[in-house]
Structures are given as C-alpha cells and as structure tokens.
Amino acid sequence: MDGVFLLSIQPAPVVDVGADFDGNGSVDFSGFLAFVAGFGMSSSDAGFDVRLDMDESGAVDFSDFLLFAAVFGT
C-alpha cells in the first residue's frame, strides 16, 4: 500500500471550565439559573460575576452560554 495514509481524528474532550456556579458539585439546572441571572451583563455593570464570563470576553453572552451548555449535566 504505497502512498496510502490513514488519518485518525479523535474529538477533543469537553473540559469543565468551572461551570458549577452554585457550588453543588455538578453543572445542572440550579447552576443554569445562576448563569441566567448574570446573562447580558458586562464587566462595567454592577453585580457582574466574572465566573459567568467563561470566555473572558468581558461580557456574559451567547458564547459563554455555548461553553456552559457543552458541560451541562456533568
């Protein structure tokens, strides 16, 4: 089999990026409620929770939601 190469691609594991916002040991609905409470806030807003800004963009937005959703249920 000259010139034949096999390429094996493995998906990257989902890493929990600290999405247990309520500290109960799992990423669940109560943590989701904590996330929702801060959704739409930016670092200049009073009450901004830096833990919710999972991508460190300075705002709790849709990209943070996608990161949270990726680890939901763990």
PDB file of N, CA and C in Angstrom:
ATOM      1  N   MET A   1       0.836  -1.192   0.000  1.00  0.00           N
ATOM      2  CA  MET A   1       0.000   0.000   0.000  1.00  0.00           C
ATOM      3  C   MET A   1       0.876   1.249   0.000  1.00  0.00           C
ATOM      4  N   ASP A   2       1.634   1.413  -1.025  1.00  0.00           N
ATOM      5  CA  ASP A   2       2.478   2.593  -1.125  1.00  0.00           C
ATOM      6  C   ASP A   2       1.639   3.851  -1.286  1.00  0.00           C
ATOM      7  N   GLY A   3       1.994   4.891  -0.540  1.00  0.00           N
ATOM      8  CA  GLY A   3       1.323   6.179  -0.677  1.00  0.00           C
ATOM      9  C   GLY A   3      -0.048   6.262  -0.029  1.00  0.00           C
ATOM     10  N   VAL A   4      -0.430   5.265   0.753  1.00  0.00           N
ATOM     11  CA  VAL A   4      -1.730   5.303   1.420  1.00  0.00           C
ATOM     12  C   VAL A   4      -1.505   5.640   2.885  1.00  0.00           C
ATOM     13  N   PHE A   5      -2.178   6.652   3.331  1.00  0.00           N
ATOM     14  CA  PHE A   5      -2.070   7.072   4.720  1.00  0.00           C
ATOM     15  C   PHE A   5      -3.443   7.014   5.362  1.00  0.00           C
ATOM     16  N   LEU A   6      -3.479   6.600   6.588  1.00  0.00           N
ATOM     17  CA  LEU A   6      -4.721   6.616   7.356  1.00  0.00           C
ATOM     18  C   LEU A   6      -4.623   7.724   8.389  1.00  0.00           C
ATOM     19  N   LEU A   7      -5.648   8.499   8.466  1.00  0.00           N
ATOM     20  CA  LEU A   7      -5.693   9.602   9.417  1.00  0.00           C
ATOM     21  C   LEU A   7      -6.797   9.320  10.416  1.00  0.00           C
ATOM     22  N   SER A   8      -6.442   9.316  11.663  1.00  0.00           N
ATOM     23  CA  SER A   8      -7.423   9.088  12.721  1.00  0.00           C
ATOM     24  C   SER A   8      -7.600  10.384  13.498  1.00  0.00           C
ATOM     25  N   ILE A   9      -8.810  10.870  13.548  1.00  0.00           N
ATOM     26  CA  ILE A   9      -9.105  12.113  14.261  1.00  0.00           C
ATOM     27  C   ILE A   9      -9.976  11.782  15.460  1.00  0.00           C
ATOM     28  N   GLN A  10      -9.528  12.196  16.612  1.00  0.00           N
ATOM     29  CA  GLN A  10     -10.276  11.980  17.845  1.00  0.00           C
ATOM     30  C   GLN A  10     -10.848  13.314  18.311  1.00  0.00           C
ATOM     31  N   PRO A  11     -12.118  13.332  18.703  1.00  0.00           N
ATOM     32  CA  PRO A  11     -12.680  14.589  19.202  1.00  0.00           C
ATOM     33  C   PRO A  11     -12.011  14.985  20.509  1.00  0.00           C
ATOM     34  N   ALA A  12     -11.850  16.267  20.678  1.00  0.00           N
ATOM     35  CA  ALA A  12     -11.274  16.771  21.919  1.00  0.00           C
ATOM     36  C   ALA A  12     -12.287  16.592  23.042  1.00  0.00           C
ATOM     37  N   PRO A  13     -11.837  16.186  24.205  1.00  0.00           N
ATOM     38  CA  PRO A  13     -12.779  16.030  25.311  1.00  0.00           C
ATOM     39  C   PRO A  13     -13.317  17.383  25.758  1.00  0.00           C
ATOM     40  N   VAL A  14     -14.544  17.387  26.206  1.00  0.00           N
ATOM     41  CA  VAL A  14     -15.126  18.612  26.755  1.00  0.00           C
ATOM     42  C   VAL A  14     -14.544  18.806  28.140  1.00  0.00           C
ATOM     43  N   VAL A  15     -14.022  19.974  28.371  1.00  0.00           N
ATOM     44  CA  VAL A  15     -13.387  20.269  29.643  1.00  0.00           C
ATOM     45  C   VAL A  15     -14.311  21.152  30.458  1.00  0.00           C
ATOM     46  N   ASP A  16     -14.528  20.769  31.705  1.00  0.00           N
ATOM     47  CA  ASP A  16     -15.324  21.603  32.599  1.00  0.00           C
ATOM     48  C   ASP A  16     -14.500  22.841  32.908  1.00  0.00           C
ATOM     49  N   VAL A  17     -14.980  23.977  32.497  1.00  0.00           N
ATOM     50  CA  VAL A  17     -14.241  25.225  32.675  1.00  0.00           C
ATOM     51  C   VAL A  17     -14.714  25.983  33.900  1.00  0.00           C
ATOM     52  N   GLY A  18     -15.172  25.262  34.893  1.00  0.00           N
ATOM     53  CA  GLY A  18     -15.616  25.909  36.112  1.00  0.00           C
ATOM     54  C   GLY A  18     -17.048  26.380  36.026  1.00  0.00           C
ATOM     55  N   ALA A  19     -17.913  25.570  35.449  1.00  0.00           N
ATOM     56  CA  ALA A  19     -19.296  25.977  35.233  1.00  0.00           C
ATOM     57  C   ALA A  19     -20.230  25.576  36.369  1.00  0.00           C
ATOM     58  N   ASP A  20     -19.688  25.097  37.478  1.00  0.00           N
ATOM     59  CA  ASP A  20     -20.509  24.772  38.647  1.00  0.00           C
ATOM     60  C   ASP A  20     -20.718  26.057  39.444  1.00  0.00           C
ATOM     61  N   PHE A  21     -21.599  26.911  38.950  1.00  0.00           N
ATOM     62  CA  PHE A  21     -21.758  28.253  39.503  1.00  0.00           C
ATOM     63  C   PHE A  21     -22.392  28.284  40.884  1.00  0.00           C
ATOM     64  N   ASP A  22     -23.139  27.247  41.252  1.00  0.00           N
ATOM     65  CA  ASP A  22     -23.758  27.247  42.574  1.00  0.00           C
ATOM     66  C   ASP A  22     -23.002  26.375  43.576  1.00  0.00           C
ATOM     67  N   GLY A  23     -21.904  25.771  43.145  1.00  0.00           N
ATOM     68  CA  GLY A  23     -21.036  25.030  44.043  1.00  0.00           C
ATOM     69  C   GLY A  23     -21.595  23.721  44.575  1.00  0.00           C
ATOM     70  N   ASN A  24     -22.552  23.119  43.881  1.00  0.00           N
ATOM     71  CA  ASN A  24     -23.142  21.869  44.369  1.00  0.00           C
ATOM     72  C   ASN A  24     -22.457  20.623  43.812  1.00  0.00           C
ATOM     73  N   GLY A  25     -21.366  20.801  43.076  1.00  0.00           N
ATOM     74  CA  GLY A  25     -20.608  19.665  42.571  1.00  0.00           C
ATOM     75  C   GLY A  25     -21.017  19.174  41.201  1.00  0.00           C
ATOM     76  N   SER A  26     -22.009  19.811  40.589  1.00  0.00           N
ATOM     77  CA  SER A  26     -22.413  19.416  39.239  1.00  0.00           C
ATOM     78  C   SER A  26     -22.884  20.639  38.461  1.00  0.00           C
ATOM     79  N   VAL A  27     -22.879  20.508  37.155  1.00  0.00           N
ATOM     80  CA  VAL A  27     -23.354  21.576  36.277  1.00  0.00           C
ATOM     81  C   VAL A  27     -24.787  21.207  35.913  1.00  0.00           C
ATOM     82  N   ASP A  28     -25.726  21.837  36.600  1.00  0.00           N
ATOM     83  CA  ASP A  28     -27.123  21.426  36.480  1.00  0.00           C
ATOM     84  C   ASP A  28     -28.047  22.638  36.385  1.00  0.00           C
ATOM     85  N   PHE A  29     -29.345  22.386  36.559  1.00  0.00           N
ATOM     86  CA  PHE A  29     -30.338  23.438  36.363  1.00  0.00           C
ATOM     87  C   PHE A  29     -30.176  24.587  37.352  1.00  0.00           C
ATOM     88  N   SER A  30     -29.821  24.297  38.586  1.00  0.00           N
ATOM     89  CA  SER A  30     -29.636  25.394  39.538  1.00  0.00           C
ATOM     90  C   SER A  30     -28.450  26.267  39.129  1.00  0.00           C
ATOM     91  N   GLY A  31     -27.409  25.661  38.557  1.00  0.00           N
ATOM     92  CA  GLY A  31     -26.298  26.444  38.017  1.00  0.00           C
ATOM     93  C   GLY A  31     -26.713  27.242  36.802  1.00  0.00           C
ATOM     94  N   PHE A  32     -27.603  26.660  36.003  1.00  0.00           N
ATOM     95  CA  PHE A  32     -28.142  27.373  34.844  1.00  0.00           C
ATOM     96  C   PHE A  32     -28.896  28.623  35.293  1.00  0.00           C
ATOM     97  N   LEU A  33     -29.671  28.508  36.373  1.00  0.00           N
ATOM     98  CA  LEU A  33     -30.396  29.678  36.888  1.00  0.00           C
ATOM     99  C   LEU A  33     -29.429  30.771  37.329  1.00  0.00           C
ATOM    100  N   ALA A  34     -28.316  30.388  37.930  1.00  0.00           N
ATOM    101  CA  ALA A  34     -27.290  31.366  38.302  1.00  0.00           C
ATOM    102  C   ALA A  34     -26.715  32.029  37.055  1.00  0.00           C
ATOM    103  N   PHE A  35     -26.507  31.236  36.005  1.00  0.00           N
ATOM    104  CA  PHE A  35     -25.983  31.779  34.751  1.00  0.00           C
ATOM    105  C   PHE A  35     -26.968  32.768  34.138  1.00  0.00           C
ATOM    106  N   VAL A  36     -28.235  32.389  34.113  1.00  0.00           N
ATOM    107  CA  VAL A  36     -29.274  33.247  33.531  1.00  0.00           C
ATOM    108  C   VAL A  36     -29.349  34.585  34.262  1.00  0.00           C
ATOM    109  N   ALA A  37     -29.155  34.566  35.570  1.00  0.00           N
ATOM    110  CA  ALA A  37     -29.225  35.800  36.359  1.00  0.00           C
ATOM    111  C   ALA A  37     -28.168  36.814  35.921  1.00  0.00           C
ATOM    112  N   GLY A  38     -27.031  36.332  35.424  1.00  0.00           N
ATOM    113  CA  GLY A  38     -25.973  37.239  35.000  1.00  0.00           C
ATOM    114  C   GLY A  38     -25.869  37.429  33.504  1.00  0.00           C
ATOM    115  N   PHE A  39     -26.714  36.725  32.746  1.00  0.00           N
ATOM    116  CA  PHE A  39     -26.630  36.805  31.287  1.00  0.00           C
ATOM    117  C   PHE A  39     -26.902  38.235  30.815  1.00  0.00           C
ATOM    118  N   GLY A  40     -26.072  38.722  29.912  1.00  0.00           N
ATOM    119  CA  GLY A  40     -26.227  40.061  29.358  1.00  0.00           C
ATOM    120  C   GLY A  40     -25.424  41.122  30.088  1.00  0.00           C
ATOM    121  N   MET A  41     -24.834  40.775  31.214  1.00  0.00           N
ATOM    122  CA  MET A  41     -24.027  41.745  31.962  1.00  0.00           C
ATOM    123  C   MET A  41     -22.631  41.844  31.363  1.00  0.00           C
ATOM    124  N   SER A  42     -22.033  43.002  31.568  1.00  0.00           N
ATOM    125  CA  SER A  42     -20.643  43.183  31.164  1.00  0.00           C
ATOM    126  C   SER A  42     -19.833  43.611  32.378  1.00  0.00           C
ATOM    127  N   SER A  43     -18.533  43.607  32.229  1.00  0.00           N
ATOM    128  CA  SER A  43     -17.641  43.881  33.353  1.00  0.00           C
ATOM    129  C   SER A  43     -17.848  45.269  33.952  1.00  0.00           C
ATOM    130  N   SER A  44     -18.465  46.174  33.230  1.00  0.00           N
ATOM    131  CA  SER A  44     -18.719  47.514  33.766  1.00  0.00           C
ATOM    132  C   SER A  44     -20.029  47.596  34.547  1.00  0.00           C
ATOM    133  N   ASP A  45     -20.824  46.526  34.537  1.00  0.00           N
ATOM    134  CA  ASP A  45     -22.105  46.512  35.252  1.00  0.00           C
ATOM    135  C   ASP A  45     -21.906  46.136  36.716  1.00  0.00           C
ATOM    136  N   ALA A  46     -22.679  46.800  37.585  1.00  0.00           N
ATOM    137  CA  ALA A  46     -22.694  46.414  38.993  1.00  0.00           C
ATOM    138  C   ALA A  46     -23.274  45.007  39.091  1.00  0.00           C
ATOM    139  N   GLY A  47     -22.678  44.178  39.902  1.00  0.00           N
ATOM    140  CA  GLY A  47     -23.159  42.813  40.069  1.00  0.00           C
ATOM    141  C   GLY A  47     -22.600  41.824  39.062  1.00  0.00           C
ATOM    142  N   PHE A  48     -21.687  42.270  38.203  1.00  0.00           N
ATOM    143  CA  PHE A  48     -21.068  41.371  37.222  1.00  0.00           C
ATOM    144  C   PHE A  48     -20.316  40.263  37.949  1.00  0.00           C
ATOM    145  N   ASP A  49     -20.579  39.020  37.567  1.00  0.00           N
ATOM    146  CA  ASP A  49     -19.913  37.858  38.162  1.00  0.00           C
ATOM    147  C   ASP A  49     -18.917  37.310  37.147  1.00  0.00           C
ATOM    148  N   VAL A  50     -17.657  37.505  37.414  1.00  0.00           N
ATOM    149  CA  VAL A  50     -16.604  37.120  36.472  1.00  0.00           C
ATOM    150  C   VAL A  50     -16.625  35.616  36.179  1.00  0.00           C
ATOM    151  N   ARG A  51     -17.131  34.794  37.099  1.00  0.00           N
ATOM    152  CA  ARG A  51     -17.196  33.345  36.868  1.00  0.00           C
ATOM    153  C   ARG A  51     -18.097  32.998  35.690  1.00  0.00           C
ATOM    154  N   LEU A  52     -19.118  33.824  35.441  1.00  0.00           N
ATOM    155  CA  LEU A  52     -20.066  33.552  34.365  1.00  0.00           C
ATOM    156  C   LEU A  52     -19.497  33.896  32.994  1.00  0.00           C
ATOM    157  N   ASP A  53     -18.478  34.745  32.972  1.00  0.00           N
ATOM    158  CA  ASP A  53     -17.817  35.140  31.720  1.00  0.00           C
ATOM    159  C   ASP A  53     -16.776  34.079  31.374  1.00  0.00           C
ATOM    160  N   MET A  54     -17.255  32.950  30.904  1.00  0.00           N
ATOM    161  CA  MET A  54     -16.412  31.770  30.731  1.00  0.00           C
ATOM    162  C   MET A  54     -15.345  31.929  29.656  1.00  0.00           C
ATOM    163  N   ASP A  55     -15.569  32.800  28.684  1.00  0.00           N
ATOM    164  CA  ASP A  55     -14.560  33.012  27.641  1.00  0.00           C
ATOM    165  C   ASP A  55     -13.712  34.257  27.902  1.00  0.00           C
ATOM    166  N   GLU A  56     -13.935  34.881  29.050  1.00  0.00           N
ATOM    167  CA  GLU A  56     -13.165  36.048  29.488  1.00  0.00           C
ATOM    168  C   GLU A  56     -13.202  37.195  28.489  1.00  0.00           C
ATOM    169  N   SER A  57     -14.370  37.412  27.880  1.00  0.00           N
ATOM    170  CA  SER A  57     -14.516  38.488  26.902  1.00  0.00           C
ATOM    171  C   SER A  57     -14.939  39.805  27.537  1.00  0.00           C
ATOM    172  N   GLY A  58     -15.278  39.777  28.820  1.00  0.00           N
ATOM    173  CA  GLY A  58     -15.745  40.984  29.484  1.00  0.00           C
ATOM    174  C   GLY A  58     -17.252  41.107  29.494  1.00  0.00           C
ATOM    175  N   ALA A  59     -17.944  40.106  28.956  1.00  0.00           N
ATOM    176  CA  ALA A  59     -19.408  40.113  28.928  1.00  0.00           C
ATOM    177  C   ALA A  59     -19.916  38.678  29.033  1.00  0.00           C
ATOM    178  N   VAL A  60     -21.077  38.529  29.653  1.00  0.00           N
ATOM    179  CA  VAL A  60     -21.731  37.220  29.723  1.00  0.00           C
ATOM    180  C   VAL A  60     -22.705  37.169  28.559  1.00  0.00           C
ATOM    181  N   ASP A  61     -22.331  36.437  27.520  1.00  0.00           N
ATOM    182  CA  ASP A  61     -23.091  36.468  26.275  1.00  0.00           C
ATOM    183  C   ASP A  61     -23.286  35.057  25.713  1.00  0.00           C
ATOM    184  N   PHE A  62     -23.700  34.991  24.459  1.00  0.00           N
ATOM    185  CA  PHE A  62     -24.055  33.710  23.856  1.00  0.00           C
ATOM    186  C   PHE A  62     -22.876  32.746  23.789  1.00  0.00           C
ATOM    187  N   SER A  63     -21.681  33.262  23.575  1.00  0.00           N
ATOM    188  CA  SER A  63     -20.526  32.357  23.530  1.00  0.00           C
ATOM    189  C   SER A  63     -20.298  31.707  24.894  1.00  0.00           C
ATOM    190  N   ASP A  64     -20.574  32.432  25.969  1.00  0.00           N
ATOM    191  CA  ASP A  64     -20.488  31.840  27.303  1.00  0.00           C
ATOM    192  C   ASP A  64     -21.575  30.787  27.492  1.00  0.00           C
ATOM    193  N   PHE A  65     -22.759  31.061  26.972  1.00  0.00           N
ATOM    194  CA  PHE A  65     -23.840  30.078  27.048  1.00  0.00           C
ATOM    195  C   PHE A  65     -23.447  28.778  26.347  1.00  0.00           C
ATOM    196  N   LEU A  66     -22.813  28.882  25.189  1.00  0.00           N
ATOM    197  CA  LEU A  66     -22.394  27.683  24.459  1.00  0.00           C
ATOM    198  C   LEU A  66     -21.370  26.878  25.257  1.00  0.00           C
ATOM    199  N   LEU A  67     -20.459  27.561  25.922  1.00  0.00           N
ATOM    200  CA  LEU A  67     -19.487  26.870  26.767  1.00  0.00           C
ATOM    201  C   LEU A  67     -20.181  26.189  27.941  1.00  0.00           C
ATOM    202  N   PHE A  68     -21.150  26.883  28.541  1.00  0.00           N
ATOM    203  CA  PHE A  68     -21.914  26.298  29.644  1.00  0.00           C
ATOM    204  C   PHE A  68     -22.698  25.081  29.166  1.00  0.00           C
ATOM    205  N   ALA A  69     -23.364  25.220  28.035  1.00  0.00           N
ATOM    206  CA  ALA A  69     -24.182  24.124  27.502  1.00  0.00           C
ATOM    207  C   ALA A  69     -23.333  22.890  27.204  1.00  0.00           C
ATOM    208  N   ALA A  70     -22.085  23.092  26.797  1.00  0.00           N
ATOM    209  CA  ALA A  70     -21.206  21.968  26.467  1.00  0.00           C
ATOM    210  C   ALA A  70     -20.885  21.103  27.680  1.00  0.00           C
ATOM    211  N   VAL A  71     -20.934  21.680  28.876  1.00  0.00           N
ATOM    212  CA  VAL A  71     -20.616  20.909  30.085  1.00  0.00           C
ATOM    213  C   VAL A  71     -21.845  20.669  30.957  1.00  0.00           C
ATOM    214  N   PHE A  72     -23.007  21.129  30.507  1.00  0.00           N
ATOM    215  CA  PHE A  72     -24.237  20.932  31.282  1.00  0.00           C
ATOM    216  C   PHE A  72     -24.488  19.437  31.478  1.00  0.00           C
ATOM    217  N   GLY A  73     -24.814  19.075  32.702  1.00  0.00           N
ATOM    218  CA  GLY A  73     -25.092  17.678  33.017  1.00  0.00           C
ATOM    219  C   GLY A  73     -23.892  16.914  33.540  1.00  0.00           C
ATOM    220  N   THR A  74     -22.754  17.585  33.672  1.00  0.00           N
ATOM    221  CA  THR A  74     -21.559  16.904  34.185  1.00  0.00           C
ATOM    222  C   THR A  74     -21.393  17.149  35.667  1.00  0.00           C
TER     223      THR A  74
END
